[in-house]
Amino acid sequence: MGNGGKKIRLSFNSPVILGFTLACFIVLILDKVTGSASTRAFFSVYRSSLASPFTYIRFFGHVLGHASWDHFFGNIMMLLVVGPLLEEKYGSANILFVILATALVTGVINFIFFPHVQLLGASGVVFAFILLASLTSIEEEKIPLTFILVALIYIGQQVYDGIFIRDNVSNLTHILGGIVGSGLGYVMNKNKMNRY
């Protein structure tokens, strides 16, 4: 019991982040059950016919798909650390908008410029959140030094990795996610300051 006889209850503190995490988990289970057929159909983005409604679903759905448990846990752990703080600060609707905007931007760019690359995973969203988090202390006409450092380190590392390291990680997705997160973070903070 504790707390003077009061019961401690679980708090559904971050509905968008928890819902997103659960959706990613279910999609990964579906991937394993269907031998990746569900992920190919709905939860990864690649060049396909614009006449197919599935193409437009994949523009958003690819952020829910993950290639493996390691891929899933790597993204979700960071999302669960940073996401709830951002959802508390900006509100659930704004955080959902950041996720959808990041998904659409990274999905469409991959569709146009990398027709033979199958993109999936929440890492673009994670990078959007990391850059968004570094902007939380922005003040009028001041840019936090922490934002500059985070942007230089994270985006610089992605550029370096993209040039010198050949792997299956989509560095451009990380960079785009960071740009979306910092852009929307700037706008949301500016709107908040204008209301005071």
Protein backbone atom coordinates (compact mmCIF):
# COMPACT_ATOMS: atom_id res chain seq x y z
CA MET A 1 0.00 0.00 0.00
CA GLY A 2 2.20 2.92 1.22
CA ASN A 3 1.42 6.61 0.70
CA GLY A 4 -0.90 6.79 3.73
CA GLY A 5 -3.05 3.87 2.59
CA LYS A 6 -3.48 5.12 -1.01
CA LYS A 7 -3.17 2.53 -3.75
CA ILE A 8 -0.58 3.11 -6.44
CA ARG A 9 -2.10 2.75 -9.90
CA LEU A 10 -0.56 2.53 -13.34
CA SER A 11 -0.84 5.74 -15.35
CA PHE A 12 -1.50 5.67 -19.09
CA ASN A 13 0.71 8.78 -19.21
CA SER A 14 1.52 9.01 -22.89
CA PRO A 15 -1.27 7.64 -25.11
CA VAL A 16 0.33 8.42 -28.47
CA ILE A 17 3.77 7.01 -27.58
CA LEU A 18 2.30 3.95 -25.86
CA GLY A 19 -0.14 3.41 -28.75
CA PHE A 20 2.67 3.76 -31.29
CA THR A 21 4.84 1.30 -29.34
CA LEU A 22 2.01 -1.23 -29.17
CA ALA A 23 1.29 -0.82 -32.89
CA CYS A 24 4.98 -1.44 -33.74
CA PHE A 25 4.97 -4.54 -31.52
CA ILE A 26 1.81 -5.95 -33.18
CA VAL A 27 3.21 -5.22 -36.66
CA LEU A 28 6.42 -7.10 -35.80
CA ILE A 29 4.40 -10.09 -34.52
CA LEU A 30 2.40 -10.02 -37.77
CA ASP A 31 5.68 -9.89 -39.70
CA LYS A 32 6.88 -13.07 -37.98
CA VAL A 33 3.53 -14.86 -38.44
CA THR A 34 3.18 -13.96 -42.14
CA GLY A 35 6.83 -14.47 -43.09
CA SER A 36 7.23 -10.72 -43.73
CA ALA A 37 4.30 -10.60 -46.20
CA SER A 38 2.36 -8.13 -44.02
CA THR A 39 5.39 -5.87 -43.68
CA ARG A 40 5.99 -5.90 -47.43
CA ALA A 41 2.31 -5.13 -48.12
CA PHE A 42 1.67 -2.39 -45.54
CA PHE A 43 4.64 -1.52 -43.31
CA SER A 44 7.57 -0.69 -45.57
CA VAL A 45 7.83 1.84 -48.38
CA TYR A 46 9.34 1.32 -51.84
CA ARG A 47 8.50 2.31 -55.42
CA SER A 48 5.08 0.98 -56.38
CA SER A 49 2.12 2.04 -58.49
CA LEU A 50 0.46 5.34 -57.54
CA ALA A 51 -2.82 3.73 -58.62
CA SER A 52 -2.60 1.30 -55.70
CA PRO A 53 -4.16 2.48 -52.40
CA PHE A 54 -1.52 0.40 -50.57
CA THR A 55 1.16 2.81 -51.78
CA TYR A 56 -0.42 5.61 -49.75
CA ILE A 57 -0.86 3.37 -46.69
CA ARG A 58 2.85 2.52 -46.88
CA PHE A 59 3.80 6.24 -46.94
CA PHE A 60 2.68 6.30 -43.30
CA GLY A 61 2.77 2.63 -42.27
CA HIS A 62 6.49 2.11 -42.86
CA VAL A 63 7.36 3.72 -39.50
CA LEU A 64 5.54 0.86 -37.74
CA GLY A 65 7.51 -1.91 -39.47
CA HIS A 66 10.79 -3.31 -38.16
CA ALA A 67 13.17 -5.84 -39.69
CA SER A 68 14.00 -7.66 -36.44
CA TRP A 69 13.58 -7.61 -32.66
CA ASP A 70 16.92 -5.78 -32.34
CA HIS A 71 15.73 -3.12 -34.78
CA PHE A 72 12.45 -2.79 -32.85
CA PHE A 73 14.03 -2.56 -29.39
CA GLY A 74 16.71 -0.11 -30.55
CA ASN A 75 14.07 2.34 -31.80
CA ILE A 76 11.41 1.77 -29.15
CA MET A 77 13.73 2.16 -26.15
CA MET A 78 14.76 5.64 -27.30
CA LEU A 79 11.15 6.48 -28.18
CA LEU A 80 9.95 5.47 -24.70
CA VAL A 81 12.66 7.58 -23.04
CA VAL A 82 12.15 10.79 -25.04
CA GLY A 83 8.57 10.51 -26.32
CA PRO A 84 6.53 10.82 -23.08
CA LEU A 85 8.39 13.99 -22.06
CA LEU A 86 7.65 15.53 -25.45
CA GLU A 87 4.02 14.42 -25.38
CA GLU A 88 3.62 16.03 -21.97
CA LYS A 89 5.16 19.28 -23.19
CA TYR A 90 3.54 19.58 -26.63
CA GLY A 91 0.36 17.51 -26.24
CA SER A 92 -0.75 14.25 -27.84
CA ALA A 93 -2.16 15.83 -31.02
CA ASN A 94 1.13 17.64 -31.80
CA ILE A 95 3.22 14.52 -31.17
CA LEU A 96 0.93 12.46 -33.42
CA PHE A 97 1.37 15.17 -36.07
CA VAL A 98 5.19 14.97 -35.74
CA ILE A 99 5.03 11.17 -36.23
CA LEU A 100 2.73 11.43 -39.27
CA ALA A 101 4.72 14.30 -40.83
CA THR A 102 8.00 12.42 -40.37
CA ALA A 103 6.48 9.25 -41.84
CA LEU A 104 5.14 11.09 -44.88
CA VAL A 105 8.31 13.08 -45.60
CA THR A 106 10.66 10.08 -45.24
CA GLY A 107 8.26 7.78 -47.09
CA VAL A 108 7.77 10.08 -50.08
CA ILE A 109 11.49 10.92 -50.36
CA ASN A 110 12.39 7.23 -50.27
CA PHE A 111 9.65 6.46 -52.85
CA ILE A 112 10.94 9.12 -55.26
CA PHE A 113 14.71 8.85 -54.92
CA PHE A 114 15.33 5.24 -53.83
CA PRO A 115 12.94 3.10 -55.90
CA HIS A 116 14.71 -0.18 -55.13
CA VAL A 117 15.20 0.40 -51.39
CA GLN A 118 12.61 -1.00 -48.98
CA LEU A 119 12.45 1.45 -46.06
CA LEU A 120 10.94 0.55 -42.69
CA GLY A 121 11.34 1.39 -39.02
CA ALA A 122 10.76 4.19 -36.54
CA SER A 123 14.29 5.60 -36.61
CA GLY A 124 13.21 8.71 -38.55
CA VAL A 125 10.64 9.38 -35.82
CA VAL A 126 13.29 8.79 -33.14
CA PHE A 127 15.60 11.34 -34.78
CA ALA A 128 12.71 13.80 -35.09
CA PHE A 129 12.10 13.40 -31.35
CA ILE A 130 15.78 13.77 -30.45
CA LEU A 131 16.03 17.08 -32.32
CA LEU A 132 12.62 18.17 -31.02
CA ALA A 133 13.74 17.42 -27.44
CA SER A 134 16.84 19.55 -27.86
CA LEU A 135 14.59 22.51 -28.77
CA THR A 136 12.37 22.34 -25.67
CA SER A 137 14.20 25.18 -23.91
CA ILE A 138 14.04 27.59 -26.86
CA GLU A 139 13.32 31.22 -26.00
CA GLU A 140 12.35 34.11 -28.24
CA GLU A 141 15.20 34.96 -30.62
CA LYS A 142 17.50 32.47 -28.86
CA ILE A 143 18.53 29.05 -30.12
CA PRO A 144 19.79 26.66 -27.42
CA LEU A 145 23.44 25.67 -27.75
CA THR A 146 22.37 22.11 -26.89
CA PHE A 147 20.26 22.06 -30.08
CA ILE A 148 23.25 23.13 -32.18
CA LEU A 149 25.43 20.45 -30.58
CA VAL A 150 22.83 17.70 -30.97
CA ALA A 151 22.17 18.68 -34.58
CA LEU A 152 25.88 18.75 -35.43
CA ILE A 153 26.65 15.46 -33.69
CA TYR A 154 23.64 13.46 -34.87
CA ILE A 155 23.35 14.81 -38.41
CA GLY A 156 27.14 14.92 -38.82
CA GLN A 157 27.37 11.29 -37.77
CA GLN A 158 24.63 10.33 -40.27
CA VAL A 159 26.40 12.15 -43.11
CA TYR A 160 29.70 10.47 -42.19
CA ASP A 161 28.08 7.03 -41.93
CA GLY A 162 26.25 7.55 -45.22
CA ILE A 163 29.51 8.36 -47.03
CA PHE A 164 31.99 6.01 -45.38
CA ILE A 165 30.01 3.10 -43.90
CA ARG A 166 28.02 0.73 -46.08
CA ASP A 167 25.22 -0.83 -44.08
CA ASN A 168 21.43 -1.23 -44.23
CA VAL A 169 20.77 1.89 -42.15
CA SER A 170 18.98 4.70 -43.98
CA ASN A 171 21.05 7.70 -42.93
CA LEU A 172 18.97 10.02 -45.11
CA THR A 173 15.85 8.96 -43.16
CA HIS A 174 17.58 9.93 -39.91
CA ILE A 175 18.61 13.30 -41.33
CA LEU A 176 15.12 13.97 -42.70
CA GLY A 177 13.57 12.95 -39.38
CA GLY A 178 15.87 15.36 -37.58
CA ILE A 179 14.95 18.18 -39.98
CA VAL A 180 11.21 17.52 -39.54
CA GLY A 181 11.56 17.35 -35.74
CA SER A 182 13.59 20.54 -35.47
CA GLY A 183 11.36 22.42 -37.94
CA LEU A 184 8.14 21.43 -36.19
CA GLY A 185 9.74 22.02 -32.78
CA TYR A 186 10.67 25.55 -33.79
CA VAL A 187 7.13 26.24 -35.05
CA MET A 188 5.42 24.73 -31.98
CA ASN A 189 7.66 26.63 -29.56
CA LYS A 190 7.18 29.88 -31.48
CA ASN A 191 3.38 29.43 -31.43
CA LYS A 192 3.53 28.75 -27.68
CA MET A 193 5.60 31.89 -27.05
CA ASN A 194 3.20 33.98 -29.17
CA ARG A 195 0.30 32.88 -26.97
CA TYR A 196 1.92 34.31 -23.80
